[in-house]
Amino acid sequence: MDKIEKTLAAGGAVVLPTETVYGLFAQALNEEAVQQVYELKRRPRDKALNLNVASLEEIYSFSKNQPSYLEQLYQAFLPGPLTIILQANDQVPIWINSGMKTIGFRVPKHPIALDLIRKYGPLIGPSANLSGLTSGVNFQQIVTDFNLQVLGIEDDAFLTGQDSTILDLSGDKARILRQGSITKREIQDQVPEIEFD
């Protein structure tokens, strides 16, 4: 664990389990750390990244024009397998969202990942796989895919293997961009105020 923390603190990338799939995490506000993740994943540079945060306050600090029900949504589903897209404010570096007007937020449920986000976050944490391949759920396969270049924490048993639900709240009405384990009906039950396209 010491090596993991030292790597993150020094601007390196590490593989961490979430409640969905493994992520390749690095300090979001460190441009060189973010660039390293793009290179390791062979990810197109114009493909934006999410911010992994540990609190509602952090979501507010990197977004604007939030819906009135955001806190209610947060309390109902986060930490958990939900990615929330909001309008980005000028605190979001261009190397994270590629100049887009929006930014995605994740609050992973895995206790180790969440603790490291609290200590070193906000972090980026795209799925730990080479770009174009399926999301990483087997730690040894990930180690092989990245040619032993990345340290990580193995916890295959915690993962569901199902990606998070992506909920876009950047417009007048909400939209589900990717269906994960959290359904539209569950969101509506917990947050009756929400309106969907």
N, C-alpha and C. Protein backbone atom coordinates (compact mmCIF):
# COMPACT_ATOMS: atom_id res chain seq x y z
N MET A 1 0.83 -1.21 0.00
CA MET A 1 0.00 0.00 0.00
C MET A 1 0.86 1.26 0.00
N ASP A 2 2.00 1.19 0.70
CA ASP A 2 2.90 2.35 0.73
C ASP A 2 3.38 2.72 -0.67
N LYS A 3 3.69 1.69 -1.48
CA LYS A 3 4.16 1.95 -2.85
C LYS A 3 3.06 2.59 -3.69
N ILE A 4 1.81 2.14 -3.48
CA ILE A 4 0.68 2.71 -4.20
C ILE A 4 0.56 4.20 -3.88
N GLU A 5 0.59 4.52 -2.58
CA GLU A 5 0.43 5.92 -2.16
C GLU A 5 1.59 6.77 -2.65
N LYS A 6 2.79 6.25 -2.57
CA LYS A 6 3.96 7.01 -3.05
C LYS A 6 3.88 7.27 -4.54
N THR A 7 3.40 6.27 -5.28
CA THR A 7 3.26 6.43 -6.73
C THR A 7 2.24 7.51 -7.06
N LEU A 8 1.07 7.45 -6.40
CA LEU A 8 0.05 8.48 -6.62
C LEU A 8 0.56 9.86 -6.26
N ALA A 9 1.20 9.97 -5.10
CA ALA A 9 1.69 11.26 -4.62
C ALA A 9 2.74 11.84 -5.56
N ALA A 10 3.50 10.96 -6.22
CA ALA A 10 4.57 11.41 -7.12
C ALA A 10 4.08 11.67 -8.54
N GLY A 11 2.76 11.50 -8.77
CA GLY A 11 2.23 11.76 -10.10
C GLY A 11 2.17 10.55 -11.01
N GLY A 12 2.27 9.36 -10.42
CA GLY A 12 2.19 8.14 -11.21
C GLY A 12 0.78 7.60 -11.28
N ALA A 13 0.61 6.54 -12.07
CA ALA A 13 -0.69 5.90 -12.24
C ALA A 13 -0.70 4.54 -11.54
N VAL A 14 -1.86 4.18 -10.95
CA VAL A 14 -2.01 2.90 -10.27
C VAL A 14 -3.35 2.27 -10.65
N VAL A 15 -3.44 0.96 -10.55
CA VAL A 15 -4.68 0.24 -10.82
C VAL A 15 -5.39 -0.02 -9.49
N LEU A 16 -6.64 0.43 -9.39
CA LEU A 16 -7.42 0.25 -8.17
C LEU A 16 -8.78 -0.36 -8.50
N PRO A 17 -9.28 -1.20 -7.58
CA PRO A 17 -10.63 -1.74 -7.78
C PRO A 17 -11.69 -0.71 -7.40
N THR A 18 -12.80 -0.74 -8.11
CA THR A 18 -13.98 0.02 -7.71
C THR A 18 -15.08 -1.00 -7.47
N GLU A 19 -16.33 -0.57 -7.39
CA GLU A 19 -17.41 -1.53 -7.24
C GLU A 19 -17.89 -2.06 -8.60
N THR A 20 -17.33 -1.51 -9.68
CA THR A 20 -17.74 -1.93 -11.02
C THR A 20 -16.62 -2.70 -11.72
N VAL A 21 -15.59 -1.99 -12.14
CA VAL A 21 -14.42 -2.59 -12.79
C VAL A 21 -13.17 -1.93 -12.21
N TYR A 22 -11.99 -2.42 -12.59
CA TYR A 22 -10.75 -1.77 -12.18
C TYR A 22 -10.59 -0.44 -12.92
N GLY A 23 -10.00 0.54 -12.24
CA GLY A 23 -9.70 1.81 -12.86
C GLY A 23 -8.21 2.08 -12.85
N LEU A 24 -7.77 2.90 -13.80
CA LEU A 24 -6.38 3.34 -13.86
C LEU A 24 -6.36 4.77 -13.32
N PHE A 25 -5.92 4.92 -12.08
CA PHE A 25 -6.06 6.17 -11.35
C PHE A 25 -4.77 6.99 -11.33
N ALA A 26 -4.95 8.32 -11.37
CA ALA A 26 -3.83 9.25 -11.24
C ALA A 26 -4.39 10.61 -10.82
N GLN A 27 -3.51 11.48 -10.35
CA GLN A 27 -3.95 12.80 -9.89
C GLN A 27 -4.48 13.63 -11.07
N ALA A 28 -5.74 14.05 -10.94
CA ALA A 28 -6.40 14.74 -12.05
C ALA A 28 -5.82 16.12 -12.34
N LEU A 29 -5.31 16.80 -11.32
CA LEU A 29 -4.83 18.17 -11.51
C LEU A 29 -3.36 18.22 -11.91
N ASN A 30 -2.76 17.05 -12.11
CA ASN A 30 -1.38 16.93 -12.55
C ASN A 30 -1.39 16.53 -14.03
N GLU A 31 -1.05 17.48 -14.90
CA GLU A 31 -1.16 17.22 -16.34
C GLU A 31 -0.28 16.06 -16.79
N GLU A 32 0.91 15.94 -16.23
CA GLU A 32 1.80 14.85 -16.63
C GLU A 32 1.25 13.50 -16.20
N ALA A 33 0.61 13.45 -15.03
CA ALA A 33 0.01 12.21 -14.55
C ALA A 33 -1.13 11.78 -15.47
N VAL A 34 -1.94 12.75 -15.88
CA VAL A 34 -3.05 12.46 -16.78
C VAL A 34 -2.53 11.99 -18.14
N GLN A 35 -1.50 12.63 -18.63
CA GLN A 35 -0.90 12.24 -19.90
C GLN A 35 -0.38 10.80 -19.84
N GLN A 36 0.17 10.42 -18.69
CA GLN A 36 0.67 9.06 -18.53
C GLN A 36 -0.47 8.03 -18.67
N VAL A 37 -1.63 8.35 -18.12
CA VAL A 37 -2.78 7.45 -18.23
C VAL A 37 -3.22 7.32 -19.68
N TYR A 38 -3.28 8.44 -20.40
CA TYR A 38 -3.63 8.39 -21.83
C TYR A 38 -2.65 7.50 -22.59
N GLU A 39 -1.37 7.63 -22.28
CA GLU A 39 -0.36 6.86 -23.00
C GLU A 39 -0.44 5.37 -22.65
N LEU A 40 -0.63 5.06 -21.37
CA LEU A 40 -0.73 3.66 -20.95
C LEU A 40 -1.93 2.97 -21.59
N LYS A 41 -3.05 3.68 -21.64
CA LYS A 41 -4.27 3.11 -22.20
C LYS A 41 -4.30 3.16 -23.73
N ARG A 42 -3.39 3.97 -24.33
CA ARG A 42 -3.44 4.25 -25.78
C ARG A 42 -4.80 4.85 -26.12
N ARG A 43 -5.22 5.76 -25.29
CA ARG A 43 -6.54 6.38 -25.41
C ARG A 43 -6.46 7.63 -26.28
N PRO A 44 -7.40 7.82 -27.20
CA PRO A 44 -7.39 9.04 -28.00
C PRO A 44 -7.43 10.28 -27.12
N ARG A 45 -6.62 11.28 -27.45
CA ARG A 45 -6.45 12.45 -26.56
C ARG A 45 -7.71 13.31 -26.48
N ASP A 46 -8.61 13.18 -27.46
CA ASP A 46 -9.82 13.99 -27.43
C ASP A 46 -10.97 13.30 -26.68
N LYS A 47 -10.68 12.14 -26.08
CA LYS A 47 -11.69 11.42 -25.32
C LYS A 47 -11.58 11.86 -23.86
N ALA A 48 -12.59 12.57 -23.38
CA ALA A 48 -12.54 13.19 -22.05
C ALA A 48 -12.52 12.15 -20.93
N LEU A 49 -12.10 12.59 -19.75
CA LEU A 49 -12.02 11.75 -18.56
C LEU A 49 -12.98 12.26 -17.48
N ASN A 50 -13.36 11.37 -16.57
CA ASN A 50 -14.17 11.76 -15.43
C ASN A 50 -13.29 12.17 -14.26
N LEU A 51 -13.87 12.92 -13.35
CA LEU A 51 -13.21 13.20 -12.07
C LEU A 51 -13.76 12.24 -11.02
N ASN A 52 -12.86 11.57 -10.32
CA ASN A 52 -13.24 10.75 -9.17
C ASN A 52 -13.04 11.59 -7.92
N VAL A 53 -14.13 11.81 -7.20
CA VAL A 53 -14.12 12.67 -6.02
C VAL A 53 -14.68 11.90 -4.84
N ALA A 54 -14.62 12.52 -3.65
CA ALA A 54 -15.05 11.83 -2.43
C ALA A 54 -16.16 12.57 -1.70
N SER A 55 -16.68 13.65 -2.29
CA SER A 55 -17.70 14.42 -1.58
C SER A 55 -18.57 15.21 -2.56
N LEU A 56 -19.74 15.57 -2.09
CA LEU A 56 -20.63 16.43 -2.86
C LEU A 56 -20.01 17.80 -3.07
N GLU A 57 -19.29 18.28 -2.06
CA GLU A 57 -18.65 19.60 -2.14
C GLU A 57 -17.67 19.67 -3.31
N GLU A 58 -16.95 18.57 -3.55
CA GLU A 58 -16.01 18.56 -4.67
C GLU A 58 -16.74 18.61 -6.01
N ILE A 59 -17.89 17.95 -6.08
CA ILE A 59 -18.67 18.03 -7.31
C ILE A 59 -19.07 19.47 -7.58
N TYR A 60 -19.54 20.16 -6.54
CA TYR A 60 -19.92 21.56 -6.70
C TYR A 60 -18.72 22.42 -7.10
N SER A 61 -17.54 22.09 -6.60
CA SER A 61 -16.38 22.95 -6.85
C SER A 61 -15.85 22.85 -8.28
N PHE A 62 -16.25 21.80 -9.03
CA PHE A 62 -15.79 21.65 -10.41
C PHE A 62 -16.93 21.72 -11.43
N SER A 63 -18.12 22.15 -10.99
CA SER A 63 -19.26 22.20 -11.91
C SER A 63 -20.05 23.48 -11.71
N LYS A 64 -21.04 23.70 -12.56
CA LYS A 64 -21.91 24.87 -12.45
C LYS A 64 -23.32 24.50 -12.92
N ASN A 65 -24.28 25.36 -12.61
CA ASN A 65 -25.67 25.15 -13.02
C ASN A 65 -26.20 23.77 -12.62
N GLN A 66 -25.89 23.39 -11.38
CA GLN A 66 -26.32 22.08 -10.89
C GLN A 66 -27.84 22.07 -10.65
N PRO A 67 -28.50 20.94 -10.88
CA PRO A 67 -29.93 20.86 -10.60
C PRO A 67 -30.20 20.91 -9.09
N SER A 68 -31.39 21.35 -8.73
CA SER A 68 -31.74 21.51 -7.32
C SER A 68 -31.74 20.20 -6.55
N TYR A 69 -31.91 19.10 -7.27
CA TYR A 69 -32.00 17.78 -6.60
C TYR A 69 -30.67 17.05 -6.51
N LEU A 70 -29.56 17.72 -6.84
CA LEU A 70 -28.26 17.05 -6.87
C LEU A 70 -27.91 16.41 -5.53
N GLU A 71 -28.12 17.14 -4.44
CA GLU A 71 -27.79 16.58 -3.12
C GLU A 71 -28.64 15.34 -2.82
N GLN A 72 -29.90 15.39 -3.16
CA GLN A 72 -30.79 14.24 -2.94
C GLN A 72 -30.30 13.03 -3.73
N LEU A 73 -29.90 13.26 -4.97
CA LEU A 73 -29.36 12.19 -5.82
C LEU A 73 -28.08 11.62 -5.23
N TYR A 74 -27.21 12.51 -4.76
CA TYR A 74 -25.94 12.09 -4.16
C TYR A 74 -26.19 11.22 -2.95
N GLN A 75 -27.07 11.66 -2.07
CA GLN A 75 -27.34 10.91 -0.84
C GLN A 75 -27.94 9.54 -1.14
N ALA A 76 -28.71 9.43 -2.22
CA ALA A 76 -29.37 8.17 -2.55
C ALA A 76 -28.43 7.14 -3.19
N PHE A 77 -27.47 7.60 -3.98
CA PHE A 77 -26.72 6.65 -4.81
C PHE A 77 -25.20 6.68 -4.67
N LEU A 78 -24.65 7.68 -4.02
CA LEU A 78 -23.20 7.79 -3.96
C LEU A 78 -22.68 7.73 -2.52
N PRO A 79 -21.53 7.08 -2.31
CA PRO A 79 -20.71 6.36 -3.30
C PRO A 79 -21.47 5.19 -3.92
N GLY A 80 -21.19 4.95 -5.18
CA GLY A 80 -21.86 3.86 -5.87
C GLY A 80 -21.67 3.95 -7.38
N PRO A 81 -22.25 2.98 -8.12
CA PRO A 81 -21.99 2.84 -9.56
C PRO A 81 -22.79 3.81 -10.43
N LEU A 82 -22.61 5.10 -10.18
CA LEU A 82 -23.30 6.14 -10.93
C LEU A 82 -22.30 7.22 -11.33
N THR A 83 -22.27 7.53 -12.62
CA THR A 83 -21.48 8.65 -13.12
C THR A 83 -22.44 9.79 -13.44
N ILE A 84 -22.17 10.96 -12.88
CA ILE A 84 -23.03 12.12 -13.09
C ILE A 84 -22.31 13.13 -13.97
N ILE A 85 -22.94 13.54 -15.06
CA ILE A 85 -22.37 14.55 -15.95
C ILE A 85 -23.05 15.89 -15.70
N LEU A 86 -22.22 16.90 -15.46
CA LEU A 86 -22.71 18.26 -15.22
C LEU A 86 -21.94 19.23 -16.11
N GLN A 87 -22.40 20.48 -16.16
CA GLN A 87 -21.66 21.51 -16.86
C GLN A 87 -20.36 21.80 -16.08
N ALA A 88 -19.25 21.85 -16.80
CA ALA A 88 -17.95 22.11 -16.17
C ALA A 88 -17.77 23.60 -15.91
N ASN A 89 -17.11 23.93 -14.81
CA ASN A 89 -16.73 25.33 -14.58
C ASN A 89 -15.27 25.53 -14.95
N ASP A 90 -14.74 26.72 -14.71
CA ASP A 90 -13.37 27.01 -15.17
C ASP A 90 -12.30 26.42 -14.25
N GLN A 91 -12.69 25.65 -13.24
CA GLN A 91 -11.72 24.95 -12.40
C GLN A 91 -11.28 23.62 -13.02
N VAL A 92 -11.99 23.17 -14.06
CA VAL A 92 -11.68 21.89 -14.69
C VAL A 92 -10.59 22.10 -15.74
N PRO A 93 -9.41 21.50 -15.57
CA PRO A 93 -8.34 21.68 -16.55
C PRO A 93 -8.71 21.08 -17.90
N ILE A 94 -8.24 21.71 -18.96
CA ILE A 94 -8.56 21.27 -20.31
C ILE A 94 -8.04 19.86 -20.58
N TRP A 95 -6.98 19.43 -19.88
CA TRP A 95 -6.42 18.11 -20.14
C TRP A 95 -7.31 16.99 -19.56
N ILE A 96 -8.32 17.33 -18.78
CA ILE A 96 -9.24 16.32 -18.26
C ILE A 96 -10.45 16.15 -19.17
N ASN A 97 -11.10 17.26 -19.51
CA ASN A 97 -12.33 17.13 -20.31
C ASN A 97 -12.15 17.57 -21.76
N SER A 98 -10.90 17.72 -22.19
CA SER A 98 -10.58 18.00 -23.60
C SER A 98 -11.32 19.23 -24.13
N GLY A 99 -11.54 20.22 -23.26
CA GLY A 99 -12.18 21.45 -23.67
C GLY A 99 -13.69 21.37 -23.81
N MET A 100 -14.27 20.23 -23.45
CA MET A 100 -15.73 20.11 -23.52
C MET A 100 -16.39 20.98 -22.45
N LYS A 101 -17.67 21.23 -22.62
CA LYS A 101 -18.38 22.08 -21.67
C LYS A 101 -18.94 21.30 -20.49
N THR A 102 -18.74 19.98 -20.50
CA THR A 102 -19.26 19.14 -19.42
C THR A 102 -18.12 18.37 -18.75
N ILE A 103 -18.43 17.80 -17.58
CA ILE A 103 -17.48 16.97 -16.84
C ILE A 103 -18.26 15.89 -16.10
N GLY A 104 -17.73 14.67 -16.12
CA GLY A 104 -18.36 13.55 -15.41
C GLY A 104 -17.74 13.37 -14.04
N PHE A 105 -18.55 12.93 -13.09
CA PHE A 105 -18.10 12.69 -11.72
C PHE A 105 -18.42 11.27 -11.29
N ARG A 106 -17.44 10.64 -10.62
CA ARG A 106 -17.63 9.31 -10.02
C ARG A 106 -17.23 9.38 -8.56
N VAL A 107 -17.94 8.64 -7.71
CA VAL A 107 -17.57 8.46 -6.31
C VAL A 107 -17.57 6.95 -6.07
N PRO A 108 -16.45 6.27 -6.31
CA PRO A 108 -16.42 4.81 -6.21
C PRO A 108 -16.70 4.33 -4.78
N LYS A 109 -17.28 3.15 -4.69
CA LYS A 109 -17.68 2.61 -3.39
C LYS A 109 -16.58 1.79 -2.72
N HIS A 110 -15.60 1.33 -3.49
CA HIS A 110 -14.55 0.50 -2.89
C HIS A 110 -13.80 1.30 -1.83
N PRO A 111 -13.66 0.77 -0.61
CA PRO A 111 -13.08 1.57 0.48
C PRO A 111 -11.65 2.03 0.23
N ILE A 112 -10.84 1.21 -0.44
CA ILE A 112 -9.44 1.61 -0.69
C ILE A 112 -9.40 2.74 -1.71
N ALA A 113 -10.14 2.58 -2.80
CA ALA A 113 -10.17 3.62 -3.82
C ALA A 113 -10.69 4.93 -3.24
N LEU A 114 -11.75 4.85 -2.45
CA LEU A 114 -12.35 6.06 -1.87
C LEU A 114 -11.38 6.74 -0.91
N ASP A 115 -10.67 5.96 -0.12
CA ASP A 115 -9.69 6.52 0.82
C ASP A 115 -8.56 7.24 0.08
N LEU A 116 -8.09 6.66 -1.02
CA LEU A 116 -7.01 7.28 -1.79
C LEU A 116 -7.50 8.54 -2.50
N ILE A 117 -8.76 8.55 -2.92
CA ILE A 117 -9.32 9.76 -3.52
C ILE A 117 -9.38 10.88 -2.48
N ARG A 118 -9.77 10.54 -1.26
CA ARG A 118 -9.79 11.54 -0.19
C ARG A 118 -8.40 12.12 0.06
N LYS A 119 -7.39 11.26 0.00
CA LYS A 119 -6.02 11.69 0.32
C LYS A 119 -5.36 12.44 -0.83
N TYR A 120 -5.56 11.97 -2.07
CA TYR A 120 -4.78 12.48 -3.20
C TYR A 120 -5.64 13.06 -4.32
N GLY A 121 -6.95 13.07 -4.12
CA GLY A 121 -7.87 13.48 -5.19
C GLY A 121 -7.97 14.97 -5.38
N PRO A 122 -8.74 15.37 -6.40
CA PRO A 122 -9.50 14.47 -7.27
C PRO A 122 -8.57 13.63 -8.17
N LEU A 123 -9.05 12.43 -8.51
CA LEU A 123 -8.28 11.54 -9.37
C LEU A 123 -9.06 11.27 -10.65
N ILE A 124 -8.34 11.02 -11.72
CA ILE A 124 -8.98 10.41 -12.88
C ILE A 124 -8.92 8.90 -12.66
N GLY A 125 -9.85 8.16 -13.27
CA GLY A 125 -9.84 6.72 -13.07
C GLY A 125 -10.59 5.97 -14.16
N PRO A 126 -10.21 6.18 -15.43
CA PRO A 126 -10.88 5.42 -16.49
C PRO A 126 -10.63 3.93 -16.30
N SER A 127 -11.43 3.09 -16.95
CA SER A 127 -11.29 1.65 -16.78
C SER A 127 -9.87 1.21 -17.14
N ALA A 128 -9.39 0.22 -16.40
CA ALA A 128 -8.01 -0.24 -16.55
C ALA A 128 -7.91 -1.27 -17.67
N ASN A 129 -7.91 -0.77 -18.89
CA ASN A 129 -7.78 -1.62 -20.07
C ASN A 129 -7.18 -0.78 -21.19
N LEU A 130 -6.61 -1.46 -22.16
CA LEU A 130 -6.14 -0.75 -23.34
C LEU A 130 -7.36 -0.27 -24.12
N SER A 131 -7.25 0.92 -24.69
CA SER A 131 -8.39 1.53 -25.39
C SER A 131 -8.94 0.59 -26.45
N GLY A 132 -10.27 0.41 -26.44
CA GLY A 132 -10.92 -0.45 -27.41
C GLY A 132 -11.19 -1.85 -26.90
N LEU A 133 -10.53 -2.24 -25.79
CA LEU A 133 -10.78 -3.56 -25.21
C LEU A 133 -11.83 -3.44 -24.10
N THR A 134 -12.35 -4.58 -23.66
CA THR A 134 -13.38 -4.56 -22.62
C THR A 134 -12.79 -4.09 -21.28
N SER A 135 -13.65 -3.52 -20.44
CA SER A 135 -13.22 -2.99 -19.15
C SER A 135 -12.57 -4.08 -18.30
N GLY A 136 -11.54 -3.68 -17.55
CA GLY A 136 -10.74 -4.65 -16.81
C GLY A 136 -11.40 -5.18 -15.55
N VAL A 137 -11.58 -6.51 -15.47
CA VAL A 137 -12.14 -7.12 -14.26
C VAL A 137 -11.24 -8.21 -13.69
N ASN A 138 -10.18 -8.56 -14.39
CA ASN A 138 -9.24 -9.57 -13.91
C ASN A 138 -7.87 -8.93 -13.73
N PHE A 139 -7.43 -8.87 -12.47
CA PHE A 139 -6.22 -8.11 -12.16
C PHE A 139 -4.99 -8.64 -12.91
N GLN A 140 -4.83 -9.95 -12.94
CA GLN A 140 -3.64 -10.51 -13.59
C GLN A 140 -3.63 -10.21 -15.08
N GLN A 141 -4.81 -10.19 -15.70
CA GLN A 141 -4.89 -9.85 -17.11
C GLN A 141 -4.50 -8.39 -17.34
N ILE A 142 -4.93 -7.52 -16.42
CA ILE A 142 -4.58 -6.10 -16.51
C ILE A 142 -3.07 -5.91 -16.41
N VAL A 143 -2.46 -6.61 -15.46
CA VAL A 143 -1.00 -6.53 -15.29
C VAL A 143 -0.30 -6.93 -16.58
N THR A 144 -0.81 -7.99 -17.21
CA THR A 144 -0.24 -8.45 -18.47
C THR A 144 -0.45 -7.43 -19.59
N ASP A 145 -1.69 -6.91 -19.69
CA ASP A 145 -2.01 -5.95 -20.75
C ASP A 145 -1.13 -4.71 -20.68
N PHE A 146 -0.83 -4.26 -19.45
CA PHE A 146 -0.01 -3.07 -19.30
C PHE A 146 1.48 -3.40 -19.18
N ASN A 147 1.82 -4.66 -19.50
CA ASN A 147 3.22 -5.07 -19.59
C ASN A 147 3.98 -4.79 -18.30
N LEU A 148 3.32 -5.04 -17.16
CA LEU A 148 3.92 -4.90 -15.82
C LEU A 148 4.38 -3.47 -15.51
N GLN A 149 3.80 -2.48 -16.20
CA GLN A 149 4.26 -1.10 -16.02
C GLN A 149 3.55 -0.37 -14.87
N VAL A 150 2.49 -0.96 -14.32
CA VAL A 150 1.67 -0.25 -13.35
C VAL A 150 1.48 -1.08 -12.08
N LEU A 151 1.66 -0.44 -10.92
CA LEU A 151 1.36 -1.07 -9.65
C LEU A 151 -0.15 -1.09 -9.45
N GLY A 152 -0.63 -1.99 -8.60
CA GLY A 152 -2.06 -2.01 -8.35
C GLY A 152 -2.44 -2.80 -7.13
N ILE A 153 -3.73 -2.79 -6.82
CA ILE A 153 -4.30 -3.54 -5.70
C ILE A 153 -5.30 -4.53 -6.27
N GLU A 154 -5.12 -5.79 -5.95
CA GLU A 154 -5.97 -6.84 -6.49
C GLU A 154 -7.15 -7.11 -5.57
N ASP A 155 -8.35 -7.06 -6.12
CA ASP A 155 -9.56 -7.40 -5.36
C ASP A 155 -10.66 -7.78 -6.35
N ASP A 156 -10.43 -8.84 -7.12
CA ASP A 156 -11.39 -9.25 -8.14
C ASP A 156 -12.77 -9.53 -7.55
N ALA A 157 -12.80 -10.03 -6.32
CA ALA A 157 -14.06 -10.48 -5.73
C ALA A 157 -15.03 -9.33 -5.47
N PHE A 158 -14.52 -8.11 -5.34
CA PHE A 158 -15.38 -6.96 -5.02
C PHE A 158 -16.13 -6.45 -6.24
N LEU A 159 -15.59 -6.73 -7.43
CA LEU A 159 -16.12 -6.14 -8.66
C LEU A 159 -17.39 -6.84 -9.15
N THR A 160 -18.31 -6.05 -9.69
CA THR A 160 -19.50 -6.62 -10.33
C THR A 160 -19.24 -6.90 -11.80
N GLY A 161 -18.28 -6.18 -12.38
CA GLY A 161 -18.02 -6.32 -13.81
C GLY A 161 -18.95 -5.52 -14.68
N GLN A 162 -19.91 -4.84 -14.07
CA GLN A 162 -20.87 -4.03 -14.82
C GLN A 162 -20.51 -2.56 -14.68
N ASP A 163 -20.41 -1.85 -15.80
CA ASP A 163 -20.03 -0.44 -15.76
C ASP A 163 -21.09 0.39 -15.05
N SER A 164 -20.68 1.58 -14.61
CA SER A 164 -21.61 2.47 -13.92
C SER A 164 -22.67 3.01 -14.88
N THR A 165 -23.82 3.35 -14.33
CA THR A 165 -24.83 4.07 -15.09
C THR A 165 -24.35 5.51 -15.29
N ILE A 166 -24.44 6.02 -16.52
CA ILE A 166 -24.04 7.40 -16.79
C ILE A 166 -25.30 8.25 -16.92
N LEU A 167 -25.42 9.23 -16.02
CA LEU A 167 -26.59 10.11 -15.97
C LEU A 167 -26.16 11.53 -16.34
N ASP A 168 -26.66 12.02 -17.46
CA ASP A 168 -26.31 13.36 -17.94
C ASP A 168 -27.30 14.39 -17.40
N LEU A 169 -26.80 15.28 -16.57
CA LEU A 169 -27.63 16.34 -15.97
C LEU A 169 -27.21 17.72 -16.48
N SER A 170 -26.53 17.76 -17.62
CA SER A 170 -25.99 19.03 -18.12
C SER A 170 -27.01 19.86 -18.91
N GLY A 171 -28.13 19.25 -19.26
CA GLY A 171 -29.16 19.95 -20.02
C GLY A 171 -30.39 20.26 -19.19
N ASP A 172 -31.45 20.67 -19.86
CA ASP A 172 -32.69 20.99 -19.15
C ASP A 172 -33.33 19.77 -18.52
N LYS A 173 -33.19 18.61 -19.18
CA LYS A 173 -33.73 17.37 -18.64
C LYS A 173 -32.63 16.31 -18.57
N ALA A 174 -32.84 15.35 -17.69
CA ALA A 174 -31.85 14.30 -17.49
C ALA A 174 -31.91 13.26 -18.61
N ARG A 175 -30.75 12.67 -18.90
CA ARG A 175 -30.68 11.59 -19.90
C ARG A 175 -29.75 10.51 -19.38
N ILE A 176 -30.11 9.26 -19.59
CA ILE A 176 -29.21 8.15 -19.28
C ILE A 176 -28.41 7.83 -20.54
N LEU A 177 -27.11 8.02 -20.48
CA LEU A 177 -26.25 7.78 -21.64
C LEU A 177 -25.74 6.34 -21.68
N ARG A 178 -25.66 5.70 -20.51
CA ARG A 178 -25.27 4.29 -20.46
C ARG A 178 -26.01 3.64 -19.29
N GLN A 179 -26.68 2.56 -19.58
CA GLN A 179 -27.41 1.86 -18.53
C GLN A 179 -26.50 0.91 -17.78
N GLY A 180 -26.33 1.12 -16.50
CA GLY A 180 -25.58 0.21 -15.65
C GLY A 180 -26.52 -0.44 -14.66
N SER A 181 -26.01 -0.72 -13.45
CA SER A 181 -26.83 -1.43 -12.47
C SER A 181 -27.92 -0.56 -11.85
N ILE A 182 -27.75 0.77 -11.87
CA ILE A 182 -28.77 1.68 -11.36
C ILE A 182 -29.71 2.04 -12.50
N THR A 183 -31.01 1.79 -12.31
CA THR A 183 -31.97 1.98 -13.39
C THR A 183 -32.65 3.35 -13.31
N LYS A 184 -33.26 3.71 -14.43
CA LYS A 184 -34.03 4.95 -14.50
C LYS A 184 -35.14 4.95 -13.45
N ARG A 185 -35.82 3.82 -13.30
CA ARG A 185 -36.91 3.71 -12.32
C ARG A 185 -36.39 3.94 -10.89
N GLU A 186 -35.25 3.37 -10.57
CA GLU A 186 -34.68 3.56 -9.23
C GLU A 186 -34.35 5.03 -8.98
N ILE A 187 -33.81 5.69 -10.00
CA ILE A 187 -33.50 7.11 -9.87
C ILE A 187 -34.77 7.92 -9.65
N GLN A 188 -35.80 7.64 -10.43
CA GLN A 188 -37.07 8.35 -10.30
C GLN A 188 -37.72 8.10 -8.93
N ASP A 189 -37.59 6.86 -8.43
CA ASP A 189 -38.16 6.55 -7.11
C ASP A 189 -37.49 7.34 -6.00
N GLN A 190 -36.17 7.50 -6.11
CA GLN A 190 -35.42 8.21 -5.06
C GLN A 190 -35.45 9.72 -5.23
N VAL A 191 -35.56 10.17 -6.48
CA VAL A 191 -35.53 11.60 -6.78
C VAL A 191 -36.73 11.95 -7.65
N PRO A 192 -37.93 12.04 -7.07
CA PRO A 192 -39.15 12.29 -7.87
C PRO A 192 -39.10 13.59 -8.68
N GLU A 193 -38.28 14.53 -8.24
CA GLU A 193 -38.20 15.84 -8.92
C GLU A 193 -37.54 15.75 -10.29
N ILE A 194 -36.76 14.70 -10.51
CA ILE A 194 -35.99 14.61 -11.75
C ILE A 194 -36.91 14.41 -12.95
N GLU A 195 -36.60 15.09 -14.06
CA GLU A 195 -37.34 14.94 -15.30
C GLU A 195 -36.41 14.38 -16.37
N PHE A 196 -36.86 13.34 -17.06
CA PHE A 196 -36.06 12.73 -18.11
C PHE A 196 -36.56 13.15 -19.49
N ASP A 197 -35.63 13.19 -20.42
CA ASP A 197 -35.95 13.42 -21.83
C ASP A 197 -36.80 12.27 -22.36
